[in-house]
Amino acid sequence: MTLSLTLGALVRARRIELGYSQDDLALRAGLTRSFIWRFESGRTQPTIETFSKIASALNLRASKLLLQAETIQENQYKST
């Protein structure tokens, strides 16, 4: 799994954990639902600014999400 797919999966999991729809997250982050869908599915990569908006809307720091994604990537690499 690529880093962008991992980040998208983490965002989706957190969004669902908070009970947010893609529309809810988009509204909170000042983005479109279409962008959230494309990001969660790995079809687009946000800028750092946009990623920070998404993280803030999920009550997280962007650095925490990146660290989680990197840890997942490292664990996947070690298991192959």
PDB file of N, CA and C in Angstrom:
ATOM      1  N   MET A   1       0.859  -1.176   0.000  1.00  0.00           N
ATOM      2  CA  MET A   1       0.000   0.000   0.000  1.00  0.00           C
ATOM      3  C   MET A   1       0.904   1.237   0.000  1.00  0.00           C
ATOM      4  N   THR A   2       0.575   2.206  -0.829  1.00  0.00           N
ATOM      5  CA  THR A   2       1.361   3.432  -0.907  1.00  0.00           C
ATOM      6  C   THR A   2       1.059   4.337   0.281  1.00  0.00           C
ATOM      7  N   LEU A   3       1.935   5.311   0.496  1.00  0.00           N
ATOM      8  CA  LEU A   3       1.739   6.248   1.596  1.00  0.00           C
ATOM      9  C   LEU A   3       0.432   7.014   1.426  1.00  0.00           C
ATOM     10  N   SER A   4       0.114   7.431   0.204  1.00  0.00           N
ATOM     11  CA  SER A   4      -1.128   8.188   0.000  1.00  0.00           C
ATOM     12  C   SER A   4      -2.358   7.328   0.279  1.00  0.00           C
ATOM     13  N   LEU A   5      -2.312   6.050  -0.077  1.00  0.00           N
ATOM     14  CA  LEU A   5      -3.431   5.152   0.240  1.00  0.00           C
ATOM     15  C   LEU A   5      -3.547   4.938   1.746  1.00  0.00           C
ATOM     16  N   THR A   6      -2.402   4.813   2.405  1.00  0.00           N
ATOM     17  CA  THR A   6      -2.408   4.636   3.857  1.00  0.00           C
ATOM     18  C   THR A   6      -2.983   5.867   4.546  1.00  0.00           C
ATOM     19  N   LEU A   7      -2.555   7.054   4.122  1.00  0.00           N
ATOM     20  CA  LEU A   7      -3.092   8.289   4.696  1.00  0.00           C
ATOM     21  C   LEU A   7      -4.596   8.390   4.466  1.00  0.00           C
ATOM     22  N   GLY A   8      -5.029   8.063   3.257  1.00  0.00           N
ATOM     23  CA  GLY A   8      -6.455   8.099   2.952  1.00  0.00           C
ATOM     24  C   GLY A   8      -7.250   7.145   3.827  1.00  0.00           C
ATOM     25  N   ALA A   9      -6.693   5.957   4.054  1.00  0.00           N
ATOM     26  CA  ALA A   9      -7.368   4.970   4.901  1.00  0.00           C
ATOM     27  C   ALA A   9      -7.440   5.447   6.352  1.00  0.00           C
ATOM     28  N   LEU A  10      -6.377   6.087   6.830  1.00  0.00           N
ATOM     29  CA  LEU A  10      -6.383   6.617   8.196  1.00  0.00           C
ATOM     30  C   LEU A  10      -7.404   7.734   8.351  1.00  0.00           C
ATOM     31  N   VAL A  11      -7.474   8.603   7.362  1.00  0.00           N
ATOM     32  CA  VAL A  11      -8.454   9.695   7.398  1.00  0.00           C
ATOM     33  C   VAL A  11      -9.863   9.118   7.397  1.00  0.00           C
ATOM     34  N   ARG A  12     -10.108   8.147   6.540  1.00  0.00           N
ATOM     35  CA  ARG A  12     -11.433   7.525   6.471  1.00  0.00           C
ATOM     36  C   ARG A  12     -11.800   6.882   7.814  1.00  0.00           C
ATOM     37  N   ALA A  13     -10.856   6.143   8.394  1.00  0.00           N
ATOM     38  CA  ALA A  13     -11.119   5.477   9.674  1.00  0.00           C
ATOM     39  C   ALA A  13     -11.438   6.494  10.772  1.00  0.00           C
ATOM     40  N   ARG A  14     -10.680   7.572  10.829  1.00  0.00           N
ATOM     41  CA  ARG A  14     -10.922   8.596  11.847  1.00  0.00           C
ATOM     42  C   ARG A  14     -12.260   9.289  11.603  1.00  0.00           C
ATOM     43  N   ARG A  15     -12.566   9.568  10.340  1.00  0.00           N
ATOM     44  CA  ARG A  15     -13.838  10.215   9.988  1.00  0.00           C
ATOM     45  C   ARG A  15     -15.006   9.359  10.471  1.00  0.00           C
ATOM     46  N   ILE A  16     -14.934   8.077  10.197  1.00  0.00           N
ATOM     47  CA  ILE A  16     -15.996   7.156  10.605  1.00  0.00           C
ATOM     48  C   ILE A  16     -16.056   7.050  12.130  1.00  0.00           C
ATOM     49  N   GLU A  17     -14.885   7.005  12.769  1.00  0.00           N
ATOM     50  CA  GLU A  17     -14.827   6.950  14.235  1.00  0.00           C
ATOM     51  C   GLU A  17     -15.550   8.144  14.860  1.00  0.00           C
ATOM     52  N   LEU A  18     -15.421   9.310  14.237  1.00  0.00           N
ATOM     53  CA  LEU A  18     -16.074  10.519  14.738  1.00  0.00           C
ATOM     54  C   LEU A  18     -17.538  10.626  14.306  1.00  0.00           C
ATOM     55  N   GLY A  19     -17.980   9.705  13.443  1.00  0.00           N
ATOM     56  CA  GLY A  19     -19.363   9.729  12.976  1.00  0.00           C
ATOM     57  C   GLY A  19     -19.617  10.754  11.892  1.00  0.00           C
ATOM     58  N   TYR A  20     -18.556  11.173  11.199  1.00  0.00           N
ATOM     59  CA  TYR A  20     -18.682  12.166  10.132  1.00  0.00           C
ATOM     60  C   TYR A  20     -18.913  11.479   8.791  1.00  0.00           C
ATOM     61  N   SER A  21     -19.754  12.072   7.990  1.00  0.00           N
ATOM     62  CA  SER A  21     -19.870  11.659   6.592  1.00  0.00           C
ATOM     63  C   SER A  21     -18.768  12.383   5.815  1.00  0.00           C
ATOM     64  N   GLN A  22     -18.583  12.012   4.563  1.00  0.00           N
ATOM     65  CA  GLN A  22     -17.630  12.748   3.730  1.00  0.00           C
ATOM     66  C   GLN A  22     -18.073  14.199   3.587  1.00  0.00           C
ATOM     67  N   ASP A  23     -19.371  14.426   3.501  1.00  0.00           N
ATOM     68  CA  ASP A  23     -19.891  15.797   3.436  1.00  0.00           C
ATOM     69  C   ASP A  23     -19.544  16.576   4.700  1.00  0.00           C
ATOM     70  N   ASP A  24     -19.700  15.943   5.866  1.00  0.00           N
ATOM     71  CA  ASP A  24     -19.374  16.597   7.137  1.00  0.00           C
ATOM     72  C   ASP A  24     -17.903  17.010   7.172  1.00  0.00           C
ATOM     73  N   LEU A  25     -17.026  16.081   6.811  1.00  0.00           N
ATOM     74  CA  LEU A  25     -15.596  16.373   6.836  1.00  0.00           C
ATOM     75  C   LEU A  25     -15.251  17.470   5.843  1.00  0.00           C
ATOM     76  N   ALA A  26     -15.831  17.393   4.665  1.00  0.00           N
ATOM     77  CA  ALA A  26     -15.572  18.420   3.654  1.00  0.00           C
ATOM     78  C   ALA A  26     -15.976  19.797   4.164  1.00  0.00           C
ATOM     79  N   LEU A  27     -17.130  19.888   4.772  1.00  0.00           N
ATOM     80  CA  LEU A  27     -17.609  21.162   5.303  1.00  0.00           C
ATOM     81  C   LEU A  27     -16.677  21.680   6.397  1.00  0.00           C
ATOM     82  N   ARG A  28     -16.286  20.805   7.303  1.00  0.00           N
ATOM     83  CA  ARG A  28     -15.405  21.204   8.405  1.00  0.00           C
ATOM     84  C   ARG A  28     -14.024  21.636   7.909  1.00  0.00           C
ATOM     85  N   ALA A  29     -13.553  21.026   6.821  1.00  0.00           N
ATOM     86  CA  ALA A  29     -12.217  21.328   6.294  1.00  0.00           C
ATOM     87  C   ALA A  29     -12.236  22.406   5.216  1.00  0.00           C
ATOM     88  N   GLY A  30     -13.431  22.809   4.788  1.00  0.00           N
ATOM     89  CA  GLY A  30     -13.524  23.811   3.730  1.00  0.00           C
ATOM     90  C   GLY A  30     -13.171  23.259   2.359  1.00  0.00           C
ATOM     91  N   LEU A  31     -13.511  21.992   2.145  1.00  0.00           N
ATOM     92  CA  LEU A  31     -13.210  21.313   0.888  1.00  0.00           C
ATOM     93  C   LEU A  31     -14.495  20.748   0.296  1.00  0.00           C
ATOM     94  N   THR A  32     -14.379  20.060  -0.827  1.00  0.00           N
ATOM     95  CA  THR A  32     -15.551  19.430  -1.425  1.00  0.00           C
ATOM     96  C   THR A  32     -15.607  17.956  -1.027  1.00  0.00           C
ATOM     97  N   ARG A  33     -16.807  17.401  -1.039  1.00  0.00           N
ATOM     98  CA  ARG A  33     -16.961  15.973  -0.760  1.00  0.00           C
ATOM     99  C   ARG A  33     -16.184  15.162  -1.785  1.00  0.00           C
ATOM    100  N   SER A  34     -16.196  15.627  -3.022  1.00  0.00           N
ATOM    101  CA  SER A  34     -15.474  14.948  -4.091  1.00  0.00           C
ATOM    102  C   SER A  34     -13.982  14.856  -3.778  1.00  0.00           C
ATOM    103  N   PHE A  35     -13.406  15.924  -3.248  1.00  0.00           N
ATOM    104  CA  PHE A  35     -11.986  15.895  -2.900  1.00  0.00           C
ATOM    105  C   PHE A  35     -11.730  14.886  -1.786  1.00  0.00           C
ATOM    106  N   ILE A  36     -12.577  14.893  -0.767  1.00  0.00           N
ATOM    107  CA  ILE A  36     -12.416  13.944   0.344  1.00  0.00           C
ATOM    108  C   ILE A  36     -12.485  12.513  -0.188  1.00  0.00           C
ATOM    109  N   TRP A  37     -13.433  12.242  -1.059  1.00  0.00           N
ATOM    110  CA  TRP A  37     -13.566  10.899  -1.642  1.00  0.00           C
ATOM    111  C   TRP A  37     -12.305  10.520  -2.417  1.00  0.00           C
ATOM    112  N   ARG A  38     -11.816  11.442  -3.243  1.00  0.00           N
ATOM    113  CA  ARG A  38     -10.614  11.152  -4.041  1.00  0.00           C
ATOM    114  C   ARG A  38      -9.396  10.921  -3.147  1.00  0.00           C
ATOM    115  N   PHE A  39      -9.290  11.691  -2.069  1.00  0.00           N
ATOM    116  CA  PHE A  39      -8.162  11.518  -1.150  1.00  0.00           C
ATOM    117  C   PHE A  39      -8.257  10.184  -0.418  1.00  0.00           C
ATOM    118  N   GLU A  40      -9.421   9.883   0.124  1.00  0.00           N
ATOM    119  CA  GLU A  40      -9.588   8.625   0.855  1.00  0.00           C
ATOM    120  C   GLU A  40      -9.357   7.409  -0.035  1.00  0.00           C
ATOM    121  N   SER A  41      -9.643   7.523  -1.305  1.00  0.00           N
ATOM    122  CA  SER A  41      -9.482   6.390  -2.221  1.00  0.00           C
ATOM    123  C   SER A  41      -8.117   6.380  -2.908  1.00  0.00           C
ATOM    124  N   GLY A  42      -7.249   7.333  -2.550  1.00  0.00           N
ATOM    125  CA  GLY A  42      -5.903   7.362  -3.111  1.00  0.00           C
ATOM    126  C   GLY A  42      -5.806   7.919  -4.510  1.00  0.00           C
ATOM    127  N   ARG A  43      -6.849   8.575  -4.970  1.00  0.00           N
ATOM    128  CA  ARG A  43      -6.852   9.116  -6.327  1.00  0.00           C
ATOM    129  C   ARG A  43      -6.228  10.504  -6.430  1.00  0.00           C
ATOM    130  N   THR A  44      -6.008  11.152  -5.284  1.00  0.00           N
ATOM    131  CA  THR A  44      -5.366  12.466  -5.280  1.00  0.00           C
ATOM    132  C   THR A  44      -4.551  12.617  -4.013  1.00  0.00           C
ATOM    133  N   GLN A  45      -3.571  13.494  -4.076  1.00  0.00           N
ATOM    134  CA  GLN A  45      -2.743  13.791  -2.916  1.00  0.00           C
ATOM    135  C   GLN A  45      -2.903  15.269  -2.588  1.00  0.00           C
ATOM    136  N   PRO A  46      -3.262  15.577  -1.359  1.00  0.00           N
ATOM    137  CA  PRO A  46      -3.458  16.978  -0.996  1.00  0.00           C
ATOM    138  C   PRO A  46      -2.132  17.701  -0.790  1.00  0.00           C
ATOM    139  N   THR A  47      -2.188  19.020  -0.887  1.00  0.00           N
ATOM    140  CA  THR A  47      -1.035  19.824  -0.504  1.00  0.00           C
ATOM    141  C   THR A  47      -0.882  19.730   1.011  1.00  0.00           C
ATOM    142  N   ILE A  48       0.224  20.198   1.512  1.00  0.00           N
ATOM    143  CA  ILE A  48       0.431  20.197   2.966  1.00  0.00           C
ATOM    144  C   ILE A  48      -0.639  21.039   3.646  1.00  0.00           C
ATOM    145  N   GLU A  49      -0.961  22.177   3.064  1.00  0.00           N
ATOM    146  CA  GLU A  49      -1.989  23.050   3.640  1.00  0.00           C
ATOM    147  C   GLU A  49      -3.343  22.343   3.699  1.00  0.00           C
ATOM    148  N   THR A  50      -3.723  21.689   2.618  1.00  0.00           N
ATOM    149  CA  THR A  50      -5.001  20.983   2.574  1.00  0.00           C
ATOM    150  C   THR A  50      -5.004  19.804   3.540  1.00  0.00           C
ATOM    151  N   PHE A  51      -3.891  19.079   3.604  1.00  0.00           N
ATOM    152  CA  PHE A  51      -3.786  17.955   4.538  1.00  0.00           C
ATOM    153  C   PHE A  51      -3.933  18.443   5.976  1.00  0.00           C
ATOM    154  N   SER A  52      -3.348  19.587   6.280  1.00  0.00           N
ATOM    155  CA  SER A  52      -3.474  20.168   7.623  1.00  0.00           C
ATOM    156  C   SER A  52      -4.918  20.528   7.937  1.00  0.00           C
ATOM    157  N   LYS A  53      -5.647  21.033   6.946  1.00  0.00           N
ATOM    158  CA  LYS A  53      -7.067  21.354   7.141  1.00  0.00           C
ATOM    159  C   LYS A  53      -7.865  20.090   7.455  1.00  0.00           C
ATOM    160  N   ILE A  54      -7.575  19.024   6.729  1.00  0.00           N
ATOM    161  CA  ILE A  54      -8.274  17.758   6.951  1.00  0.00           C
ATOM    162  C   ILE A  54      -7.972  17.233   8.356  1.00  0.00           C
ATOM    163  N   ALA A  55      -6.697  17.242   8.723  1.00  0.00           N
ATOM    164  CA  ALA A  55      -6.312  16.764  10.055  1.00  0.00           C
ATOM    165  C   ALA A  55      -6.990  17.588  11.148  1.00  0.00           C
ATOM    166  N   SER A  56      -6.995  18.898  10.998  1.00  0.00           N
ATOM    167  CA  SER A  56      -7.636  19.768  11.996  1.00  0.00           C
ATOM    168  C   SER A  56      -9.121  19.474  12.110  1.00  0.00           C
ATOM    169  N   ALA A  57      -9.763  19.232  10.971  1.00  0.00           N
ATOM    170  CA  ALA A  57     -11.194  18.922  10.973  1.00  0.00           C
ATOM    171  C   ALA A  57     -11.475  17.605  11.698  1.00  0.00           C
ATOM    172  N   LEU A  58     -10.455  16.754  11.774  1.00  0.00           N
ATOM    173  CA  LEU A  58     -10.577  15.468  12.472  1.00  0.00           C
ATOM    174  C   LEU A  58     -10.035  15.542  13.900  1.00  0.00           C
ATOM    175  N   ASN A  59      -9.740  16.767  14.357  1.00  0.00           N
ATOM    176  CA  ASN A  59      -9.193  16.993  15.702  1.00  0.00           C
ATOM    177  C   ASN A  59      -7.860  16.287  15.917  1.00  0.00           C
ATOM    178  N   LEU A  60      -7.035  16.273  14.874  1.00  0.00           N
ATOM    179  CA  LEU A  60      -5.708  15.665  14.933  1.00  0.00           C
ATOM    180  C   LEU A  60      -4.671  16.641  14.390  1.00  0.00           C
ATOM    181  N   ARG A  61      -3.425  16.370  14.698  1.00  0.00           N
ATOM    182  CA  ARG A  61      -2.326  17.104  14.076  1.00  0.00           C
ATOM    183  C   ARG A  61      -1.918  16.346  12.822  1.00  0.00           C
ATOM    184  N   ALA A  62      -1.577  17.081  11.790  1.00  0.00           N
ATOM    185  CA  ALA A  62      -1.130  16.453  10.549  1.00  0.00           C
ATOM    186  C   ALA A  62       0.089  15.577  10.810  1.00  0.00           C
ATOM    187  N   SER A  63       0.976  16.030  11.683  1.00  0.00           N
ATOM    188  CA  SER A  63       2.189  15.257  11.985  1.00  0.00           C
ATOM    189  C   SER A  63       1.850  13.900  12.603  1.00  0.00           C
ATOM    190  N   LYS A  64       0.804  13.845  13.406  1.00  0.00           N
ATOM    191  CA  LYS A  64       0.397  12.569  14.016  1.00  0.00           C
ATOM    192  C   LYS A  64      -0.094  11.596  12.943  1.00  0.00           C
ATOM    193  N   LEU A  65      -0.894  12.090  12.006  1.00  0.00           N
ATOM    194  CA  LEU A  65      -1.374  11.231  10.919  1.00  0.00           C
ATOM    195  C   LEU A  65      -0.216  10.724  10.066  1.00  0.00           C
ATOM    196  N   LEU A  66       0.729  11.609   9.763  1.00  0.00           N
ATOM    197  CA  LEU A  66       1.888  11.197   8.968  1.00  0.00           C
ATOM    198  C   LEU A  66       2.715  10.144   9.699  1.00  0.00           C
ATOM    199  N   LEU A  67       2.908  10.337  10.983  1.00  0.00           N
ATOM    200  CA  LEU A  67       3.670   9.371  11.773  1.00  0.00           C
ATOM    201  C   LEU A  67       2.973   8.013  11.798  1.00  0.00           C
ATOM    202  N   GLN A  68       1.656   8.017  11.967  1.00  0.00           N
ATOM    203  CA  GLN A  68       0.898   6.755  11.938  1.00  0.00           C
ATOM    204  C   GLN A  68       1.058   6.069  10.587  1.00  0.00           C
ATOM    205  N   ALA A  69       0.947   6.839   9.513  1.00  0.00           N
ATOM    206  CA  ALA A  69       1.066   6.270   8.171  1.00  0.00           C
ATOM    207  C   ALA A  69       2.464   5.705   7.941  1.00  0.00           C
ATOM    208  N   GLU A  70       3.480   6.422   8.385  1.00  0.00           N
ATOM    209  CA  GLU A  70       4.851   5.938   8.223  1.00  0.00           C
ATOM    210  C   GLU A  70       5.077   4.656   9.017  1.00  0.00           C
ATOM    211  N   THR A  71       4.526   4.578  10.210  1.00  0.00           N
ATOM    212  CA  THR A  71       4.658   3.376  11.031  1.00  0.00           C
ATOM    213  C   THR A  71       4.003   2.184  10.340  1.00  0.00           C
ATOM    214  N   ILE A  72       2.827   2.396   9.791  1.00  0.00           N
ATOM    215  CA  ILE A  72       2.136   1.330   9.052  1.00  0.00           C
ATOM    216  C   ILE A  72       2.969   0.894   7.861  1.00  0.00           C
ATOM    217  N   GLN A  73       3.508   1.854   7.123  1.00  0.00           N
ATOM    218  CA  GLN A  73       4.336   1.544   5.960  1.00  0.00           C
ATOM    219  C   GLN A  73       5.566   0.730   6.364  1.00  0.00           C
ATOM    220  N   GLU A  74       6.234   1.138   7.445  1.00  0.00           N
ATOM    221  CA  GLU A  74       7.420   0.414   7.916  1.00  0.00           C
ATOM    222  C   GLU A  74       7.065  -1.011   8.317  1.00  0.00           C
ATOM    223  N   ASN A  75       5.954  -1.182   9.011  1.00  0.00           N
ATOM    224  CA  ASN A  75       5.534  -2.521   9.429  1.00  0.00           C
ATOM    225  C   ASN A  75       5.204  -3.398   8.231  1.00  0.00           C
ATOM    226  N   GLN A  76       4.593  -2.821   7.202  1.00  0.00           N
ATOM    227  CA  GLN A  76       4.292  -3.590   5.999  1.00  0.00           C
ATOM    228  C   GLN A  76       5.576  -3.985   5.282  1.00  0.00           C
ATOM    229  N   TYR A  77       6.535  -3.068   5.253  1.00  0.00           N
ATOM    230  CA  TYR A  77       7.813  -3.349   4.599  1.00  0.00           C
ATOM    231  C   TYR A  77       8.549  -4.479   5.316  1.00  0.00           C
ATOM    232  N   LYS A  78       8.529  -4.441   6.656  1.00  0.00           N
ATOM    233  CA  LYS A  78       9.214  -5.463   7.449  1.00  0.00           C
ATOM    234  C   LYS A  78       8.580  -6.838   7.280  1.00  0.00           C
ATOM    235  N   SER A  79       7.277  -6.870   7.050  1.00  0.00           N
ATOM    236  CA  SER A  79       6.575  -8.156   6.953  1.00  0.00           C
ATOM    237  C   SER A  79       6.662  -8.781   5.567  1.00  0.00           C
ATOM    238  N   THR A  80       7.288  -8.083   4.616  1.00  0.00           N
ATOM    239  CA  THR A  80       7.419  -8.663   3.269  1.00  0.00           C
ATOM    240  C   THR A  80       8.798  -9.178   3.020  1.00  0.00           C
TER     241      THR A  80
END
